[in-house]
C-alpha atoms as a PDB file:
ATOM      1  CA  UNK A   1      45.417  47.686 187.265  1.00  0.00           C
ATOM      2  CA  UNK A   2      45.213  45.991 183.951  1.00  0.00           C
ATOM      3  CA  UNK A   3      41.769  45.416 182.425  1.00  0.00           C
ATOM      4  CA  UNK A   4      40.858  42.753 179.855  1.00  0.00           C
ATOM      5  CA  UNK A   5      38.053  45.082 178.707  1.00  0.00           C
ATOM      6  CA  UNK A   6      37.621  48.618 179.318  1.00  0.00           C
ATOM      7  CA  UNK A   7      34.025  48.244 179.983  1.00  0.00           C
ATOM      8  CA  UNK A   8      34.872  46.225 183.156  1.00  0.00           C
ATOM      9  CA  UNK A   9      36.399  49.426 184.827  1.00  0.00           C
ATOM     10  CA  UNK A  10      34.592  51.025 187.771  1.00  0.00           C
ATOM     11  CA  UNK A  11      32.710  53.838 186.141  1.00  0.00           C
ATOM     12  CA  UNK A  12      34.101  57.099 187.688  1.00  0.00           C
ATOM     13  CA  UNK A  13      31.802  59.603 189.489  1.00  0.00           C
ATOM     14  CA  UNK A  14      30.547  62.628 187.519  1.00  0.00           C
ATOM     15  CA  UNK A  15      31.254  65.541 189.651  1.00  0.00           C
ATOM     16  CA  UNK A  16      28.593  68.294 190.044  1.00  0.00           C
ATOM     17  CA  UNK A  17      29.662  71.870 191.138  1.00  0.00           C
ATOM     18  CA  UNK A  18      28.189  75.238 191.707  1.00  0.00           C
ATOM     19  CA  UNK A  19      29.439  78.207 189.409  1.00  0.00           C
ATOM     20  CA  UNK A  20      29.721  80.481 192.397  1.00  0.00           C
ATOM     21  CA  UNK A  21      32.176  78.317 194.326  1.00  0.00           C
ATOM     22  CA  UNK A  22      33.779  75.954 191.998  1.00  0.00           C
ATOM     23  CA  UNK A  23      37.562  76.268 191.386  1.00  0.00           C
ATOM     24  CA  UNK A  24      39.652  75.665 188.242  1.00  0.00           C
ATOM     25  CA  UNK A  25      41.414  72.783 189.957  1.00  0.00           C
ATOM     26  CA  UNK A  26      38.141  71.004 190.846  1.00  0.00           C
ATOM     27  CA  UNK A  27      36.992  71.190 187.124  1.00  0.00           C
ATOM     28  CA  UNK A  28      40.343  70.070 185.850  1.00  0.00           C
ATOM     29  CA  UNK A  29      40.445  67.090 188.123  1.00  0.00           C
ATOM     30  CA  UNK A  30      36.932  66.172 187.526  1.00  0.00           C
ATOM     31  CA  UNK A  31      37.452  66.159 183.714  1.00  0.00           C
ATOM     32  CA  UNK A  32      40.636  64.244 183.889  1.00  0.00           C
ATOM     33  CA  UNK A  33      38.949  61.563 186.054  1.00  0.00           C
ATOM     34  CA  UNK A  34      35.650  61.138 184.244  1.00  0.00           C
ATOM     35  CA  UNK A  35      35.916  63.030 181.005  1.00  0.00           C
ATOM     36  CA  UNK A  36      33.189  65.503 181.938  1.00  0.00           C
ATOM     37  CA  UNK A  37      31.349  67.383 184.828  1.00  0.00           C
ATOM     38  CA  UNK A  38      28.261  69.550 185.561  1.00  0.00           C
ATOM     39  CA  UNK A  39      28.399  73.115 186.776  1.00  0.00           C
ATOM     40  CA  UNK A  40      25.202  74.493 188.124  1.00  0.00           C
ATOM     41  CA  UNK A  41      23.880  78.019 187.907  1.00  0.00           C
ATOM     42  CA  UNK A  42      26.134  79.412 185.127  1.00  0.00           C
ATOM     43  CA  UNK A  43      23.724  81.659 183.475  1.00  0.00           C
ATOM     44  CA  UNK A  44      20.636  83.582 184.518  1.00  0.00           C
ATOM     45  CA  UNK A  45      17.173  83.298 183.217  1.00  0.00           C
ATOM     46  CA  UNK A  46      17.576  86.882 181.836  1.00  0.00           C
ATOM     47  CA  UNK A  47      20.748  86.007 179.823  1.00  0.00           C
ATOM     48  CA  UNK A  48      19.185  82.984 178.413  1.00  0.00           C
ATOM     49  CA  UNK A  49      16.102  84.872 177.389  1.00  0.00           C
ATOM     50  CA  UNK A  50      18.196  87.241 175.503  1.00  0.00           C
ATOM     51  CA  UNK A  51      19.895  84.452 173.653  1.00  0.00           C
ATOM     52  CA  UNK A  52      16.593  82.954 172.661  1.00  0.00           C
ATOM     53  CA  UNK A  53      15.431  86.329 171.552  1.00  0.00           C
ATOM     54  CA  UNK A  54      18.478  86.489 169.347  1.00  0.00           C
ATOM     55  CA  UNK A  55      17.879  83.092 167.739  1.00  0.00           C
ATOM     56  CA  UNK A  56      14.182  82.368 167.876  1.00  0.00           C
ATOM     57  CA  UNK A  57      13.449  83.640 164.282  1.00  0.00           C
ATOM     58  CA  UNK A  58      16.247  81.575 163.060  1.00  0.00           C
ATOM     59  CA  UNK A  59      14.959  78.480 164.727  1.00  0.00           C
ATOM     60  CA  UNK A  60      11.499  78.973 163.105  1.00  0.00           C
ATOM     61  CA  UNK A  61      13.216  79.191 159.808  1.00  0.00           C
ATOM     62  CA  UNK A  62      15.049  75.915 160.223  1.00  0.00           C
ATOM     63  CA  UNK A  63      13.993  72.862 158.234  1.00  0.00           C
ATOM     64  CA  UNK A  64      13.752  69.385 159.606  1.00  0.00           C
ATOM     65  CA  UNK A  65      17.227  67.501 159.733  1.00  0.00           C
ATOM     66  CA  UNK A  66      17.613  65.211 156.717  1.00  0.00           C
ATOM     67  CA  UNK A  67      20.421  63.189 157.999  1.00  0.00           C
ATOM     68  CA  UNK A  68      20.724  60.152 160.264  1.00  0.00           C
ATOM     69  CA  UNK A  69      22.978  61.489 163.018  1.00  0.00           C
ATOM     70  CA  UNK A  70      19.991  63.617 164.490  1.00  0.00           C
ATOM     71  CA  UNK A  71      16.451  62.621 164.834  1.00  0.00           C
ATOM     72  CA  UNK A  72      13.951  64.364 162.338  1.00  0.00           C
ATOM     73  CA  UNK A  73      12.419  66.312 165.334  1.00  0.00           C
ATOM     74  CA  UNK A  74      15.528  68.139 165.820  1.00  0.00           C
ATOM     75  CA  UNK A  75      15.746  71.862 164.857  1.00  0.00           C
ATOM     76  CA  UNK A  76      19.108  73.516 165.062  1.00  0.00           C
ATOM     77  CA  UNK A  77      20.720  76.924 164.395  1.00  0.00           C
ATOM     78  CA  UNK A  78      24.410  77.161 163.466  1.00  0.00           C
ATOM     79  CA  UNK A  79      26.670  80.153 162.971  1.00  0.00           C
ATOM     80  CA  UNK A  80      25.762  81.573 166.234  1.00  0.00           C
ATOM     81  CA  UNK A  81      28.878  83.799 166.416  1.00  0.00           C
ATOM     82  CA  UNK A  82      27.207  86.225 164.111  1.00  0.00           C
ATOM     83  CA  UNK A  83      23.729  85.710 165.373  1.00  0.00           C
ATOM     84  CA  UNK A  84      23.831  86.235 169.200  1.00  0.00           C
ATOM     85  CA  UNK A  85      26.461  88.494 171.113  1.00  0.00           C
ATOM     86  CA  UNK A  86      24.871  87.282 174.361  1.00  0.00           C
ATOM     87  CA  UNK A  87      25.432  83.511 173.263  1.00  0.00           C
ATOM     88  CA  UNK A  88      29.204  84.354 172.509  1.00  0.00           C
ATOM     89  CA  UNK A  89      29.721  86.425 175.725  1.00  0.00           C
ATOM     90  CA  UNK A  90      28.150  84.107 178.100  1.00  0.00           C
ATOM     91  CA  UNK A  91      28.402  80.606 176.693  1.00  0.00           C
ATOM     92  CA  UNK A  92      31.499  80.356 174.560  1.00  0.00           C
ATOM     93  CA  UNK A  93      33.425  82.937 176.564  1.00  0.00           C
ATOM     94  CA  UNK A  94      32.489  81.469 180.024  1.00  0.00           C
ATOM     95  CA  UNK A  95      35.814  81.820 181.736  1.00  0.00           C
ATOM     96  CA  UNK A  96      36.068  78.551 183.564  1.00  0.00           C
ATOM     97  CA  UNK A  97      35.351  76.620 180.119  1.00  0.00           C
ATOM     98  CA  UNK A  98      37.811  78.713 178.332  1.00  0.00           C
ATOM     99  CA  UNK A  99      40.466  78.267 181.057  1.00  0.00           C
ATOM    100  CA  UNK A 100      40.006  74.443 180.800  1.00  0.00           C
ATOM    101  CA  UNK A 101      40.417  74.741 177.001  1.00  0.00           C
ATOM    102  CA  UNK A 102      43.503  76.824 177.277  1.00  0.00           C
ATOM    103  CA  UNK A 103      45.169  74.120 179.351  1.00  0.00           C
ATOM    104  CA  UNK A 104      44.126  71.032 177.496  1.00  0.00           C
ATOM    105  CA  UNK A 105      44.190  72.347 173.946  1.00  0.00           C
ATOM    106  CA  UNK A 106      46.795  75.070 173.695  1.00  0.00           C
ATOM    107  CA  UNK A 107      50.046  74.049 172.219  1.00  0.00           C
ATOM    108  CA  UNK A 108      53.653  75.603 172.451  1.00  0.00           C
ATOM    109  CA  UNK A 109      56.519  74.527 170.451  1.00  0.00           C
ATOM    110  CA  UNK A 110      60.097  75.932 170.127  1.00  0.00           C
ATOM    111  CA  UNK A 111      62.029  75.938 166.712  1.00  0.00           C
ATOM    112  CA  UNK A 112      65.278  77.068 165.278  1.00  0.00           C
ATOM    113  CA  UNK A 113      64.869  80.042 162.733  1.00  0.00           C
ATOM    114  CA  UNK A 114      68.283  80.744 161.625  1.00  0.00           C
ATOM    115  CA  UNK A 115      70.433  81.125 164.672  1.00  0.00           C
ATOM    116  CA  UNK A 116      67.438  82.017 167.053  1.00  0.00           C
ATOM    117  CA  UNK A 117      65.023  80.103 168.916  1.00  0.00           C
ATOM    118  CA  UNK A 118      61.228  81.065 168.012  1.00  0.00           C
ATOM    119  CA  UNK A 119      58.538  80.156 170.296  1.00  0.00           C
ATOM    120  CA  UNK A 120      55.116  79.526 168.627  1.00  0.00           C
ATOM    121  CA  UNK A 121      51.847  79.153 170.664  1.00  0.00           C
ATOM    122  CA  UNK A 122      48.574  78.013 169.160  1.00  0.00           C
ATOM    123  CA  UNK A 123      45.696  78.798 171.359  1.00  0.00           C
ATOM    124  CA  UNK A 124      42.227  76.954 171.237  1.00  0.00           C
ATOM    125  CA  UNK A 125      39.865  78.058 168.292  1.00  0.00           C
ATOM    126  CA  UNK A 126      36.093  78.092 168.332  1.00  0.00           C
ATOM    127  CA  UNK A 127      35.294  74.800 166.405  1.00  0.00           C
ATOM    128  CA  UNK A 128      31.608  75.011 166.275  1.00  0.00           C
ATOM    129  CA  UNK A 129      28.502  76.870 167.567  1.00  0.00           C
ATOM    130  CA  UNK A 130      25.093  75.045 167.707  1.00  0.00           C
ATOM    131  CA  UNK A 131      21.701  75.725 169.210  1.00  0.00           C
ATOM    132  CA  UNK A 132      19.824  72.418 169.536  1.00  0.00           C
ATOM    133  CA  UNK A 133      16.163  73.540 169.873  1.00  0.00           C
ATOM    134  CA  UNK A 134      12.996  71.638 170.035  1.00  0.00           C
ATOM    135  CA  UNK A 135      14.248  67.995 170.086  1.00  0.00           C
ATOM    136  CA  UNK A 136      10.640  67.290 170.349  1.00  0.00           C
ATOM    137  CA  UNK A 137       8.443  64.504 171.482  1.00  0.00           C
ATOM    138  CA  UNK A 138       9.094  61.212 169.651  1.00  0.00           C
ATOM    139  CA  UNK A 139      12.764  61.757 168.852  1.00  0.00           C
ATOM    140  CA  UNK A 140      15.016  58.696 169.154  1.00  0.00           C
ATOM    141  CA  UNK A 141      18.236  58.205 170.588  1.00  0.00           C
ATOM    142  CA  UNK A 142      21.414  59.299 168.941  1.00  0.00           C
ATOM    143  CA  UNK A 143      24.020  56.663 168.570  1.00  0.00           C
ATOM    144  CA  UNK A 144      26.885  56.921 170.932  1.00  0.00           C
ATOM    145  CA  UNK A 145      29.943  58.429 169.294  1.00  0.00           C
ATOM    146  CA  UNK A 146      33.114  60.366 169.918  1.00  0.00           C
ATOM    147  CA  UNK A 147      33.324  63.919 168.178  1.00  0.00           C
ATOM    148  CA  UNK A 148      36.894  63.719 167.998  1.00  0.00           C
ATOM    149  CA  UNK A 149      36.601  61.090 165.262  1.00  0.00           C
ATOM    150  CA  UNK A 150      36.120  64.132 162.882  1.00  0.00           C
ATOM    151  CA  UNK A 151      39.878  64.929 163.623  1.00  0.00           C
ATOM    152  CA  UNK A 152      40.842  61.228 163.031  1.00  0.00           C
ATOM    153  CA  UNK A 153      41.800  61.144 166.740  1.00  0.00           C
ATOM    154  CA  UNK A 154      42.669  57.874 168.428  1.00  0.00           C
ATOM    155  CA  UNK A 155      42.275  57.324 172.102  1.00  0.00           C
ATOM    156  CA  UNK A 156      44.792  54.958 173.967  1.00  0.00           C
ATOM    157  CA  UNK A 157      43.919  52.844 176.967  1.00  0.00           C
ATOM    158  CA  UNK A 158      45.340  54.450 180.058  1.00  0.00           C
ATOM    159  CA  UNK A 159      44.765  55.394 183.652  1.00  0.00           C
ATOM    160  CA  UNK A 160      43.798  58.950 184.888  1.00  0.00           C
ATOM    161  CA  UNK A 161      47.302  59.642 186.295  1.00  0.00           C
ATOM    162  CA  UNK A 162      48.609  58.790 182.864  1.00  0.00           C
ATOM    163  CA  UNK A 163      46.419  61.478 181.016  1.00  0.00           C
ATOM    164  CA  UNK A 164      48.518  63.622 179.040  1.00  0.00           C
ATOM    165  CA  UNK A 165      48.007  67.325 178.647  1.00  0.00           C
ATOM    166  CA  UNK A 166      47.328  67.885 174.858  1.00  0.00           C
ATOM    167  CA  UNK A 167      46.021  64.522 173.992  1.00  0.00           C
ATOM    168  CA  UNK A 168      42.590  65.666 173.404  1.00  0.00           C
ATOM    169  CA  UNK A 169      41.629  67.572 170.218  1.00  0.00           C
ATOM    170  CA  UNK A 170      38.401  69.292 171.287  1.00  0.00           C
ATOM    171  CA  UNK A 171      36.256  70.084 174.232  1.00  0.00           C
ATOM    172  CA  UNK A 172      32.447  70.540 174.182  1.00  0.00           C
ATOM    173  CA  UNK A 173      30.139  72.833 176.318  1.00  0.00           C
ATOM    174  CA  UNK A 174      26.436  72.469 176.766  1.00  0.00           C
ATOM    175  CA  UNK A 175      24.173  74.942 178.380  1.00  0.00           C
ATOM    176  CA  UNK A 176      20.531  74.091 179.429  1.00  0.00           C
ATOM    177  CA  UNK A 177      18.092  76.739 177.894  1.00  0.00           C
ATOM    178  CA  UNK A 178      15.381  74.797 179.516  1.00  0.00           C
ATOM    179  CA  UNK A 179      15.373  71.943 182.092  1.00  0.00           C
ATOM    180  CA  UNK A 180      16.798  68.955 180.314  1.00  0.00           C
ATOM    181  CA  UNK A 181      16.039  65.555 181.702  1.00  0.00           C
ATOM    182  CA  UNK A 182      16.424  61.798 180.773  1.00  0.00           C
ATOM    183  CA  UNK A 183      12.779  61.923 179.645  1.00  0.00           C
ATOM    184  CA  UNK A 184      13.172  64.870 177.221  1.00  0.00           C
ATOM    185  CA  UNK A 185      16.389  64.141 175.725  1.00  0.00           C
ATOM    186  CA  UNK A 186      19.378  65.119 177.967  1.00  0.00           C
ATOM    187  CA  UNK A 187      22.895  64.477 176.680  1.00  0.00           C
ATOM    188  CA  UNK A 188      24.284  61.177 177.888  1.00  0.00           C
ATOM    189  CA  UNK A 189      27.774  59.901 177.829  1.00  0.00           C
ATOM    190  CA  UNK A 190      30.052  57.267 179.154  1.00  0.00           C
ATOM    191  CA  UNK A 191      32.243  58.534 182.027  1.00  0.00           C
ATOM    192  CA  UNK A 192      35.869  57.533 181.736  1.00  0.00           C
ATOM    193  CA  UNK A 193      35.550  56.555 178.054  1.00  0.00           C
ATOM    194  CA  UNK A 194      38.323  59.152 177.073  1.00  0.00           C
ATOM    195  CA  UNK A 195      40.736  56.595 178.651  1.00  0.00           C
ATOM    196  CA  UNK A 196      39.492  53.625 176.899  1.00  0.00           C
ATOM    197  CA  UNK A 197      41.036  51.986 173.928  1.00  0.00           C
ATOM    198  CA  UNK A 198      39.869  53.343 170.649  1.00  0.00           C
ATOM    199  CA  UNK A 199      38.216  50.184 169.492  1.00  0.00           C
ATOM    200  CA  UNK A 200      36.353  49.414 172.685  1.00  0.00           C
ATOM    201  CA  UNK A 201      32.782  49.045 171.826  1.00  0.00           C
ATOM    202  CA  UNK A 202      30.500  51.438 173.672  1.00  0.00           C
ATOM    203  CA  UNK A 203      27.506  50.066 175.638  1.00  0.00           C
ATOM    204  CA  UNK A 204      24.328  51.848 176.758  1.00  0.00           C
ATOM    205  CA  UNK A 205      24.423  50.338 180.201  1.00  0.00           C
ATOM    206  CA  UNK A 206      27.419  52.632 181.170  1.00  0.00           C
ATOM    207  CA  UNK A 207      25.737  55.923 180.233  1.00  0.00           C
ATOM    208  CA  UNK A 208      25.192  58.864 182.529  1.00  0.00           C
ATOM    209  CA  UNK A 209      22.461  61.548 181.835  1.00  0.00           C
ATOM    210  CA  UNK A 210      23.806  65.041 182.042  1.00  0.00           C
ATOM    211  CA  UNK A 211      20.391  66.485 183.458  1.00  0.00           C
ATOM    212  CA  UNK A 212      20.559  70.285 183.507  1.00  0.00           C
ATOM    213  CA  UNK A 213      18.360  72.940 185.087  1.00  0.00           C
ATOM    214  CA  UNK A 214      17.887  76.232 183.410  1.00  0.00           C
ATOM    215  CA  UNK A 215      21.354  77.864 183.180  1.00  0.00           C
ATOM    216  CA  UNK A 216      23.462  74.828 184.107  1.00  0.00           C
ATOM    217  CA  UNK A 217      26.398  73.745 182.042  1.00  0.00           C
ATOM    218  CA  UNK A 218      27.957  70.415 181.105  1.00  0.00           C
ATOM    219  CA  UNK A 219      31.651  70.338 180.007  1.00  0.00           C
ATOM    220  CA  UNK A 220      32.826  67.015 178.228  1.00  0.00           C
ATOM    221  CA  UNK A 221      35.915  65.892 176.323  1.00  0.00           C
ATOM    222  CA  UNK A 222      35.433  65.104 172.636  1.00  0.00           C
ATOM    223  CA  UNK A 223      37.101  61.760 173.264  1.00  0.00           C
ATOM    224  CA  UNK A 224      34.173  60.815 175.361  1.00  0.00           C
ATOM    225  CA  UNK A 225      31.494  58.590 174.011  1.00  0.00           C
ATOM    226  CA  UNK A 226      28.372  60.797 174.218  1.00  0.00           C
ATOM    227  CA  UNK A 227      25.054  61.547 172.317  1.00  0.00           C
ATOM    228  CA  UNK A 228      21.570  63.047 172.542  1.00  0.00           C
ATOM    229  CA  UNK A 229      18.812  61.059 174.006  1.00  0.00           C
ATOM    230  CA  UNK A 230      15.181  60.155 173.044  1.00  0.00           C
ATOM    231  CA  UNK A 231      12.445  62.514 173.973  1.00  0.00           C
ATOM    232  CA  UNK A 232       9.862  60.181 175.461  1.00  0.00           C
ATOM    233  CA  UNK A 233       7.513  63.118 176.670  1.00  0.00           C
ATOM    234  CA  UNK A 234       4.292  64.184 175.100  1.00  0.00           C
ATOM    235  CA  UNK A 235       4.821  68.062 175.260  1.00  0.00           C
ATOM    236  CA  UNK A 236       8.280  68.878 176.373  1.00  0.00           C
ATOM    237  CA  UNK A 237      11.235  70.273 174.162  1.00  0.00           C
ATOM    238  CA  UNK A 238      14.702  70.233 174.928  1.00  0.00           C
ATOM    239  CA  UNK A 239      16.565  73.471 174.537  1.00  0.00           C
ATOM    240  CA  UNK A 240      20.318  73.620 174.799  1.00  0.00           C
ATOM    241  CA  UNK A 241      23.051  75.704 173.565  1.00  0.00           C
ATOM    242  CA  UNK A 242      26.400  74.285 172.845  1.00  0.00           C
ATOM    243  CA  UNK A 243      29.900  75.016 171.405  1.00  0.00           C
ATOM    244  CA  UNK A 244      33.058  73.072 170.924  1.00  0.00           C
ATOM    245  CA  UNK A 245      36.630  74.507 171.078  1.00  0.00           C
ATOM    246  CA  UNK A 246      39.417  72.664 169.303  1.00  0.00           C
ATOM    247  CA  UNK A 247      43.209  72.866 168.912  1.00  0.00           C
ATOM    248  CA  UNK A 248      43.993  75.971 167.032  1.00  0.00           C
ATOM    249  CA  UNK A 249      45.904  74.220 164.218  1.00  0.00           C
ATOM    250  CA  UNK A 250      43.276  71.784 163.443  1.00  0.00           C
ATOM    251  CA  UNK A 251      40.561  72.103 160.890  1.00  0.00           C
ATOM    252  CA  UNK A 252      37.168  73.293 162.265  1.00  0.00           C
ATOM    253  CA  UNK A 253      34.573  70.429 161.982  1.00  0.00           C
ATOM    254  CA  UNK A 254      30.950  70.647 161.366  1.00  0.00           C
ATOM    255  CA  UNK A 255      31.068  74.464 161.041  1.00  0.00           C
ATOM    256  CA  UNK A 256      33.319  76.727 158.973  1.00  0.00           C
ATOM    257  CA  UNK A 257      33.671  80.120 160.826  1.00  0.00           C
ATOM    258  CA  UNK A 258      35.062  81.791 157.808  1.00  0.00           C
ATOM    259  CA  UNK A 259      32.092  80.917 155.576  1.00  0.00           C
ATOM    260  CA  UNK A 260      29.269  80.754 158.070  1.00  0.00           C
ATOM    261  CA  UNK A 261      29.597  84.084 159.493  1.00  0.00           C
ATOM    262  CA  UNK A 262      30.037  87.728 158.082  1.00  0.00           C
ATOM    263  CA  UNK A 263      33.499  88.937 159.126  1.00  0.00           C
ATOM    264  CA  UNK A 264      32.359  92.636 159.315  1.00  0.00           C
ATOM    265  CA  UNK A 265      29.733  91.573 162.066  1.00  0.00           C
ATOM    266  CA  UNK A 266      32.468  89.391 163.885  1.00  0.00           C
ATOM    267  CA  UNK A 267      35.001  92.154 163.929  1.00  0.00           C
ATOM    268  CA  UNK A 268      32.722  94.187 166.067  1.00  0.00           C
ATOM    269  CA  UNK A 269      31.573  91.585 168.508  1.00  0.00           C
ATOM    270  CA  UNK A 270      34.331  89.018 169.362  1.00  0.00           C
ATOM    271  CA  UNK A 271      37.768  87.966 170.010  1.00  0.00           C
ATOM    272  CA  UNK A 272      39.036  87.278 166.540  1.00  0.00           C
ATOM    273  CA  UNK A 273      41.840  84.965 167.566  1.00  0.00           C
ATOM    274  CA  UNK A 274      39.302  82.673 169.323  1.00  0.00           C
ATOM    275  CA  UNK A 275      37.296  82.578 166.046  1.00  0.00           C
ATOM    276  CA  UNK A 276      40.663  81.598 164.212  1.00  0.00           C
ATOM    277  CA  UNK A 277      40.626  84.728 162.180  1.00  0.00           C
ATOM    278  CA  UNK A 278      44.149  85.694 163.427  1.00  0.00           C
ATOM    279  CA  UNK A 279      45.761  82.202 163.558  1.00  0.00           C
END
């Protein structure tokens, strides 16, 4: 079907699954169709409490955001790879997220080296880690944006069956550290916008709020329009943990894992290849 305007398309359903029963194929299909999906009950309250314990003092030391992309009521902590093993082991390394990233972001090439064919594989790398904490009452909407713009990536208008493995540059993952709702600032995105023409203007009327209970997760392609939402409550804070994985041969955006973390700490904690120390 041909559309005069991408915004006239039928907005695809955002699938919701349970972590105990969801399959890789279900997640893959949901993401190709809508650009994102929700998975309930990924992490327990105990694990989330451990992550918060690791990061609370960093949160309290944070200064109000001075830029325009986040509201001033936002406090955040970066460089979580060297701050919380629980975060890395349970959020970044969540197997179903990593499996999707390996499929959509890994790259394999074959090249002649002398008289022999050499195969090169570039696995996804950790692009950034971020704890969004205390997006407090009074915070305004973030503007809708695509995170893959930082890789100078362009989307092409197409249908879901025409989606090509490898066309995305990064994939995001958000975990609810507390219940996140439309009222207190849940992430919203435009389902299907990963298949729009690059220059199609985004509109708020098409957004979907990824509301999460404690421990729920939201996976979203970086080519989808998305953003944080206004906190219209009087006394609630939004607490969420996030990360993005990117193609291994691209530059990390928003966070440099080589400068942000102490390599001596990382060596004892995590997969060095995922952090791009072995690429």
